[in-house]
Protein backbone atom coordinates (compact mmCIF):
# COMPACT_ATOMS: atom_id res chain seq x y z
CA MET A 1 -4.38 49.01 31.33
CA GLU A 2 -4.92 47.87 34.98
CA MET A 3 -8.94 48.28 33.98
CA GLU A 4 -8.66 46.89 30.82
CA SER A 5 -6.88 43.68 32.87
CA GLU A 6 -9.73 43.92 35.22
CA CYS A 7 -12.15 43.70 32.08
CA TRP A 8 -10.55 40.62 31.08
CA ARG A 9 -10.59 39.02 34.39
CA LEU A 10 -14.36 39.60 34.48
CA LEU A 11 -14.69 38.26 31.18
CA ALA A 12 -12.92 35.28 32.10
CA ALA A 13 -15.16 34.44 35.01
CA GLY A 14 -18.19 34.74 32.97
CA VAL A 15 -19.65 37.97 33.39
CA GLY A 16 -21.17 39.17 30.29
CA THR A 17 -19.61 42.06 28.59
CA VAL A 18 -22.65 44.83 29.48
CA GLU A 19 -22.76 43.96 33.36
CA VAL A 20 -18.80 44.31 33.06
CA CYS A 21 -18.95 47.48 31.45
CA ARG A 22 -21.48 48.45 33.97
CA GLN A 23 -18.99 46.68 37.02
CA LEU A 24 -16.14 49.27 35.63
CA GLY A 25 -17.91 52.63 35.35
CA ILE A 26 -16.52 52.17 31.11
CA GLY A 27 -18.66 52.73 28.10
CA ARG A 28 -20.17 49.73 25.77
CA LYS A 29 -18.11 50.80 22.90
CA THR A 30 -15.05 50.54 25.39
CA GLY A 31 -15.62 46.97 26.39
CA TYR A 32 -16.41 45.30 22.67
CA ARG A 33 -13.69 47.98 21.30
CA TRP A 34 -11.24 45.98 23.40
CA ARG A 35 -12.52 42.61 22.52
CA ALA A 36 -12.83 43.40 18.90
CA GLU A 37 -9.13 44.64 19.31
CA ASN A 38 -7.75 40.92 20.56
CA GLY A 39 -10.63 38.37 18.21
CA GLY A 40 -12.25 38.07 21.12
CA LEU A 41 -9.33 36.69 23.02
CA PRO A 42 -7.81 37.56 26.31
CA PRO A 43 -4.21 39.56 25.53
CA LEU A 44 -1.15 37.83 26.74
CA THR A 45 -0.03 41.00 28.38
CA LEU A 46 -2.82 39.50 31.35
CA PRO A 47 -1.18 38.67 34.68
CA GLU A 48 -0.10 34.70 34.96
CA GLN A 49 -3.38 33.76 36.94
CA ASP A 50 -5.49 34.70 34.34
CA ARG A 51 -3.56 32.56 31.47
CA GLU A 52 -4.74 29.34 30.74
CA GLY A 53 -3.56 26.53 33.32
CA ARG A 54 -1.73 24.53 30.42
CA TYR A 55 1.00 27.21 29.92
CA LEU A 56 3.61 26.87 32.67
CA SER A 57 3.39 29.29 35.63
CA LEU A 58 6.57 31.74 36.55
CA LEU A 59 6.12 29.76 39.97
CA GLU A 60 6.14 26.22 38.16
CA ARG A 61 9.39 27.22 36.48
CA GLN A 62 11.32 28.61 39.19
CA ARG A 63 10.49 25.15 41.12
CA ILE A 64 11.79 23.68 38.17
CA ALA A 65 15.05 25.31 38.73
CA THR A 66 15.01 24.54 42.59
CA LEU A 67 14.91 21.05 41.59
CA ARG A 68 17.03 20.76 38.52
CA ARG A 69 19.87 22.40 41.18
CA ASP A 70 18.59 19.57 43.98
CA GLY A 71 19.64 16.73 41.24
CA LEU A 72 16.61 15.45 40.29
CA GLY A 73 15.79 14.22 36.81
CA VAL A 74 13.06 15.03 34.30
CA ARG A 75 10.48 12.48 35.43
CA ALA A 76 11.14 13.42 38.47
CA ILE A 77 10.42 17.31 38.85
CA ALA A 78 7.26 16.11 36.17
CA VAL A 79 5.95 14.18 39.34
CA GLN A 80 6.69 17.08 41.83
CA LEU A 81 4.98 19.68 39.63
CA GLY A 82 1.90 17.62 38.68
CA ARG A 83 3.17 17.63 34.75
CA SER A 84 4.02 15.72 31.84
CA PRO A 85 7.55 14.80 31.55
CA SER A 86 7.41 15.76 28.19
CA THR A 87 6.39 19.38 29.51
CA VAL A 88 9.17 19.54 31.52
CA SER A 89 11.80 18.35 28.91
CA ARG A 90 10.62 20.91 26.74
CA GLU A 91 10.68 23.72 29.22
CA LEU A 92 14.21 22.93 29.90
CA ARG A 93 15.26 22.28 25.98
CA ARG A 94 13.68 25.42 24.59
CA ASN A 95 14.21 27.98 28.04
CA THR A 96 17.87 27.14 28.72
CA ALA A 97 20.73 28.37 26.44
CA CYS A 98 22.16 25.01 26.43
CA TYR A 99 20.92 21.42 28.00
CA ASP A 100 23.59 20.88 30.67
CA LYS A 101 23.94 24.58 31.91
CA ALA A 102 22.17 25.82 34.73
CA TYR A 103 17.84 26.85 34.51
CA ASP A 104 16.93 29.80 35.36
CA GLY A 105 13.14 30.13 36.47
CA HIS A 106 12.63 34.04 35.65
CA MET A 107 15.03 34.29 32.72
CA ALA A 108 12.94 31.37 31.44
CA HIS A 109 9.39 32.66 31.99
CA ALA A 110 10.69 36.00 30.48
CA ARG A 111 12.17 33.88 27.36
CA ALA A 112 8.65 32.12 26.97
CA ARG A 113 6.32 34.98 27.76
CA GLU A 114 8.24 36.85 24.95
CA ARG A 115 8.28 34.10 22.56
CA ALA A 116 4.28 33.74 22.92
CA ARG A 117 4.00 37.28 21.24
CA ARG A 118 4.80 36.23 17.99
CA PRO A 119 5.17 39.79 16.69
CA ARG A 120 5.48 38.39 13.22
CA ARG A 121 3.10 39.05 10.91
CA GLY A 122 0.06 36.94 9.77
CA ARG A 123 0.83 34.36 6.71
CA LEU A 124 -2.72 36.18 4.75
CA LEU A 125 -1.11 40.20 5.19
CA ALA A 126 2.39 39.06 4.00
CA ASP A 127 1.13 36.99 1.16
CA VAL A 128 -1.67 39.01 -1.15
CA GLU A 129 -2.04 35.85 -3.97
CA LEU A 130 -3.15 33.85 -0.69
CA ARG A 131 -5.67 36.50 0.50
CA ALA A 132 -7.18 36.91 -2.20
CA HIS A 133 -7.89 33.66 -3.08
CA VAL A 134 -9.12 33.50 1.05
CA GLN A 135 -11.20 36.31 0.18
CA ALA A 136 -13.11 35.21 -2.68
CA LYS A 137 -14.25 32.45 -1.27
CA LEU A 138 -15.00 33.63 1.56
CA GLU A 139 -17.07 36.02 -0.51
CA LEU A 140 -18.96 32.72 -2.16
CA GLU A 141 -19.81 31.82 1.61
CA TRP A 142 -17.29 28.64 2.04
CA SER A 143 -16.39 28.63 5.56
CA PRO A 144 -12.97 28.62 6.61
CA GLU A 145 -12.37 24.87 7.12
CA GLN A 146 -13.65 24.25 3.54
CA ILE A 147 -11.38 26.75 2.22
CA ALA A 148 -8.49 25.48 4.53
CA ALA A 149 -9.35 21.83 2.78
CA TRP A 150 -9.43 23.47 -0.59
CA LEU A 151 -5.99 24.86 -0.76
CA ARG A 152 -4.34 21.36 -0.15
CA VAL A 153 -5.70 20.44 -3.18
CA ALA A 154 -5.64 22.84 -5.32
CA PHE A 155 -2.40 24.03 -4.54
CA PRO A 156 -0.15 20.81 -3.24
CA GLY A 157 2.77 22.31 -4.43
CA ARG A 158 2.73 25.09 -2.59
CA PRO A 159 2.74 23.55 1.22
CA ALA A 160 3.12 27.67 2.49
CA TRP A 161 -0.61 27.98 1.39
CA HIS A 162 -1.50 24.86 3.05
CA LEU A 163 -3.02 27.09 6.05
CA CYS A 164 -5.33 25.66 9.37
CA HIS A 165 -8.53 26.85 9.19
CA GLU A 166 -8.36 28.81 12.60
CA THR A 167 -5.61 30.75 10.77
CA ILE A 168 -8.49 32.11 8.60
CA TYR A 169 -10.88 33.14 11.72
CA GLN A 170 -7.80 34.83 13.27
CA ALA A 171 -7.38 36.88 9.88
CA LEU A 172 -10.92 37.55 10.12
CA TYR A 173 -11.12 38.51 13.54
CA LEU A 174 -8.30 40.30 14.13
CA GLY A 175 -9.33 42.67 11.30
CA GLY A 176 -6.83 44.31 9.01
CA ARG A 177 -4.25 43.43 11.30
CA GLY A 178 -5.05 39.94 10.75
CA GLY A 179 -5.23 40.67 6.79
CA LEU A 180 -8.32 40.19 5.97
CA GLN A 181 -11.73 42.25 6.02
CA ARG A 182 -13.81 42.28 9.32
CA GLU A 183 -16.91 42.40 6.93
CA LEU A 184 -16.28 39.56 5.37
CA THR A 185 -17.32 37.77 8.77
CA ARG A 186 -20.83 38.50 7.60
CA ARG A 187 -20.34 35.43 5.21
CA LEU A 188 -19.46 32.89 7.75
CA ARG A 189 -22.89 30.66 8.98
CA THR A 190 -23.24 32.64 12.46
CA SER A 191 -22.50 35.59 10.72
CA ARG A 192 -20.47 36.72 14.24
CA PRO A 193 -18.99 39.86 14.50
CA LEU A 194 -17.04 39.02 17.47
CA ARG A 195 -15.86 35.59 18.60
CA LYS A 196 -18.38 34.13 21.13
CA ARG A 197 -16.53 32.38 24.46
CA ARG A 198 -17.26 29.00 24.89
CA ARG A 199 -16.99 27.42 28.16
CA ARG A 200 -15.77 24.23 29.08
CA PRO A 201 -18.60 21.57 29.25
CA ASP A 202 -16.96 19.81 32.66
CA GLN A 203 -17.16 23.93 33.88
CA ARG A 204 -20.40 24.58 32.98
CA ARG A 205 -23.05 25.77 36.33
CA PRO A 206 -25.89 23.55 37.11
CA ARG A 207 -28.48 25.11 36.02
CA PHE A 208 -31.69 23.21 38.17
CA ILE A 209 -32.54 23.35 41.37
CA THR A 210 -33.67 20.02 41.14
CA PRO A 211 -30.60 17.47 40.06
CA GLY A 212 -31.34 15.59 36.91
CA ALA A 213 -30.44 13.01 35.65
CA LEU A 214 -27.57 12.44 33.17
CA ILE A 215 -28.19 10.38 30.54
CA ASP A 216 -25.61 7.33 31.85
CA LEU A 217 -28.15 6.46 33.75
CA ARG A 218 -30.85 6.15 31.36
CA PRO A 219 -31.91 2.23 30.99
CA ASP A 220 -30.25 0.82 28.52
CA VAL A 221 -33.12 -0.54 26.44
CA VAL A 222 -33.30 3.14 25.10
CA ALA A 223 -30.26 2.84 23.36
CA GLU A 224 -31.61 -0.12 21.70
CA ARG A 225 -34.42 1.49 19.78
CA THR A 226 -36.73 -1.27 20.70
CA ARG A 227 -39.50 0.36 22.27
CA ILE A 228 -41.78 3.10 21.67
CA GLY A 229 -42.07 5.53 24.45
CA ASP A 230 -38.35 7.10 24.34
CA TRP A 231 -38.67 10.17 23.09
CA GLU A 232 -35.65 13.14 22.55
CA GLY A 233 -36.50 16.97 22.86
CA ASP A 234 -35.61 20.45 22.53
CA LEU A 235 -36.53 23.53 21.24
CA ILE A 236 -35.90 25.57 17.64
CA VAL A 237 -35.77 28.63 18.46
CA GLY A 238 -36.73 31.94 16.69
CA LYS A 239 -35.20 35.40 15.80
CA GLY A 240 -33.74 37.42 18.52
CA SER A 241 -34.49 34.46 20.82
CA ARG A 242 -38.09 35.85 21.22
CA SER A 243 -40.06 32.96 20.43
CA ALA A 244 -39.68 28.86 20.01
CA ILE A 245 -41.44 25.94 19.38
CA ALA A 246 -40.98 22.25 21.43
CA THR A 247 -40.04 19.45 19.85
CA LEU A 248 -40.74 15.50 20.61
CA VAL A 249 -39.02 13.04 18.81
CA CYS A 250 -39.45 9.11 19.19
CA ARG A 251 -35.94 7.45 19.50
CA THR A 252 -37.44 4.44 17.35
CA SER A 253 -40.63 5.47 15.39
CA ARG A 254 -39.26 9.11 14.60
CA TYR A 255 -42.58 10.25 15.25
CA LEU A 256 -42.78 13.81 15.94
CA ARG A 257 -45.02 16.25 18.74
CA LEU A 258 -44.52 20.07 17.86
CA VAL A 259 -45.72 21.45 21.45
CA HIS A 260 -46.69 25.21 20.95
CA LEU A 261 -45.65 27.66 23.34
CA PRO A 262 -47.57 30.96 22.93
CA ASP A 263 -46.59 31.89 26.51
CA GLY A 264 -42.74 31.97 25.31
CA TYR A 265 -40.35 29.31 26.56
CA ALA A 266 -39.63 29.60 30.13
CA ALA A 267 -39.14 26.92 32.06
CA ALA A 268 -42.43 27.09 33.67
CA ALA A 269 -44.26 27.59 30.01
CA VAL A 270 -41.92 24.54 28.97
CA SER A 271 -43.01 22.17 31.38
CA ASP A 272 -47.11 23.50 31.63
CA ALA A 273 -46.80 22.78 27.13
CA LEU A 274 -45.14 19.50 27.58
CA ALA A 275 -47.32 18.19 30.65
CA VAL A 276 -50.60 18.80 28.03
CA ALA A 277 -48.69 16.92 25.25
CA PHE A 278 -47.73 13.74 27.28
CA GLY A 279 -51.19 13.89 28.29
CA GLN A 280 -52.49 13.60 25.04
CA MET A 281 -50.46 10.23 24.87
CA PRO A 282 -51.74 6.67 25.61
CA PRO A 283 -49.16 5.46 28.99
CA PRO A 284 -47.26 3.03 26.91
CA ALA A 285 -45.91 5.69 24.63
CA ARG A 286 -44.94 7.63 27.55
CA LEU A 287 -41.49 6.24 28.84
CA THR A 288 -38.81 8.48 29.10
CA LEU A 289 -37.64 11.91 27.72
CA THR A 290 -34.02 12.87 26.95
CA TRP A 291 -33.03 16.45 26.54
CA ASP A 292 -30.11 18.90 27.15
CA GLN A 293 -29.16 21.26 29.77
CA GLY A 294 -30.81 24.25 29.11
CA SER A 295 -32.44 26.84 31.20
CA GLU A 296 -36.51 25.95 30.31
CA MET A 297 -35.87 22.15 31.60
CA ALA A 298 -35.76 23.38 35.04
CA CYS A 299 -39.18 22.01 35.87
CA HIS A 300 -37.85 18.93 34.69
CA ASP A 301 -39.26 17.26 38.03
CA GLN A 302 -42.86 18.25 37.07
CA ILE A 303 -42.46 16.88 33.55
CA ALA A 304 -40.95 13.65 34.97
CA GLU A 305 -44.19 13.03 36.53
CA HIS A 306 -45.89 12.04 33.36
CA LEU A 307 -43.18 9.60 32.31
CA ALA A 308 -42.93 6.17 33.30
CA GLU A 309 -39.19 6.09 33.77
CA GLY A 310 -38.07 10.02 34.12
CA VAL A 311 -36.27 12.52 32.26
CA PHE A 312 -32.88 12.09 31.45
CA PHE A 313 -30.18 15.03 30.25
CA ALA A 314 -27.37 14.34 27.66
CA HIS A 315 -23.65 15.56 28.92
CA PRO A 316 -23.29 19.52 28.39
CA GLY A 317 -22.13 20.50 24.81
CA SER A 318 -22.76 17.11 23.57
CA PRO A 319 -25.69 17.26 20.99
CA TRP A 320 -24.77 14.24 19.36
CA LEU A 321 -26.07 12.05 22.47
CA ARG A 322 -29.86 13.27 20.71
CA GLY A 323 -28.95 12.96 16.83
CA THR A 324 -32.60 12.04 16.44
CA ASN A 325 -33.80 15.32 17.66
CA GLU A 326 -30.96 16.96 16.00
CA ASN A 327 -31.46 15.73 12.83
CA THR A 328 -35.24 16.41 12.88
CA ASN A 329 -34.91 19.71 13.98
CA GLY A 330 -32.91 20.29 11.35
CA LEU A 331 -36.05 18.97 8.63
CA LEU A 332 -38.21 21.59 10.65
CA ARG A 333 -35.84 24.38 9.68
CA GLN A 334 -37.39 23.56 6.08
CA TYR A 335 -40.94 25.24 7.37
CA PHE A 336 -39.58 26.90 10.47
CA PRO A 337 -36.44 29.06 8.87
CA LYS A 338 -33.38 30.34 11.41
CA GLY A 339 -33.73 34.26 11.75
CA THR A 340 -38.18 34.10 11.40
CA ASP A 341 -40.19 35.02 14.27
CA LEU A 342 -42.12 31.59 15.60
CA SER A 343 -44.62 33.22 17.17
CA VAL A 344 -46.56 33.86 14.15
CA HIS A 345 -47.35 29.90 13.78
CA SER A 346 -50.82 28.54 15.35
CA ALA A 347 -50.95 25.19 17.02
CA GLU A 348 -52.96 24.63 13.84
CA GLU A 349 -49.68 25.23 11.99
CA LEU A 350 -47.70 23.19 13.87
CA ASN A 351 -50.13 19.78 14.04
CA ARG A 352 -49.72 20.46 9.82
CA VAL A 353 -46.09 20.06 9.59
CA GLN A 354 -46.10 17.61 12.26
CA ASP A 355 -48.92 15.86 10.40
CA ARG A 356 -46.89 16.13 6.91
CA LEU A 357 -43.22 14.89 8.17
CA ASN A 358 -44.77 11.82 10.19
CA HIS A 359 -46.57 10.42 7.08
CA ARG A 360 -43.18 10.54 5.20
CA PRO A 361 -41.52 7.78 4.28
CA ARG A 362 -37.98 7.24 5.96
CA LYS A 363 -35.30 5.30 4.74
CA THR A 364 -33.64 4.64 8.02
CA LEU A 365 -37.03 3.22 8.69
CA GLY A 366 -36.94 0.63 5.36
CA TRP A 367 -38.92 3.78 4.02
CA ARG A 368 -42.35 3.19 6.12
CA THR A 369 -43.43 6.09 7.85
CA PRO A 370 -42.83 7.36 11.47
CA ALA A 371 -47.05 7.26 11.97
CA ASP A 372 -47.36 3.74 10.78
CA ILE A 373 -44.60 2.59 13.13
CA PHE A 374 -46.07 4.53 16.28
CA ASN A 375 -49.04 3.89 15.07
CA SER A 376 -48.66 -0.13 15.18
CA ALA A 377 -46.62 -0.17 17.88
CA LEU A 378 -49.75 0.98 20.22
CA ALA A 379 -52.37 -1.01 18.44
CA PRO A 380 -53.83 -3.49 20.79
């Protein structure tokens, strides 16, 4: 049990599963089994320091008991703890036999931990008919969110069937204990057999030796889309993350440049390829570039030398800040499907696809083409 707790502690610290298994001296199958048995989430029996900060700790509950005995009110206690008054009020109401009686920190903590276990059967495990409906929709490759919305529309008189999409996800990733077959995870968009741990955007570590300028520092005129030369960029990645194509899209004209990456998409390779791409453009068309915070942009300072106003980065986990590029990458997937090897496409093939999109009328441009707007703006 101590080794499993240590495994979860390392995973929570951001260490990969394979590296955790190596450090603990356990087999990979054991590490992946521990993750799978808990749906990719830490078990509730972890030490208190490994729990999320939104839960009251034993120390906080002991302080509540002490401050309560000293005669402090709910709001005064909340100030002392740095918590919301509603959190303290709810804690006293839930974990005291009677609100006016003495509050015991140790007993309250034990009650809260026991309640958190929720040893009840999942709704999909208990209701065979509901499980059949959900499973049938998953077989049709509906997403859990679509299924949850459909249940409310199709069965308005059965509120017990009005699931949230997270209930369906947990039932899938808990396997038989949740009520749904784990094999159905193949029907999801990602086909991911294990839930992927997400890092909080405000806790991501910088990936660049040279600090990058965030999008907040970008000139205000870029947001107005009134000039040519403000680009958004990203990579579309191929099968197994072994190949990629760099995409550059002009924010105003939607003009597209596809950048061939025959030597892979490490930072140096991307920097060299983008330098060539920008070097082929006239100076008025090279003003700014907005990218996400991927490691392929570690040499962004070298790319910035080719732009009049520099390179800027969107906030972590905020793809909508580069919406023009994200939309264009979706269009490109018609020609470069996900799960395929992108290294088989030559530079000539990329140019053919690029020209096809650049000469296609766009509704957002009043049915003009990106090439027409881009070239007209650069004409003397």
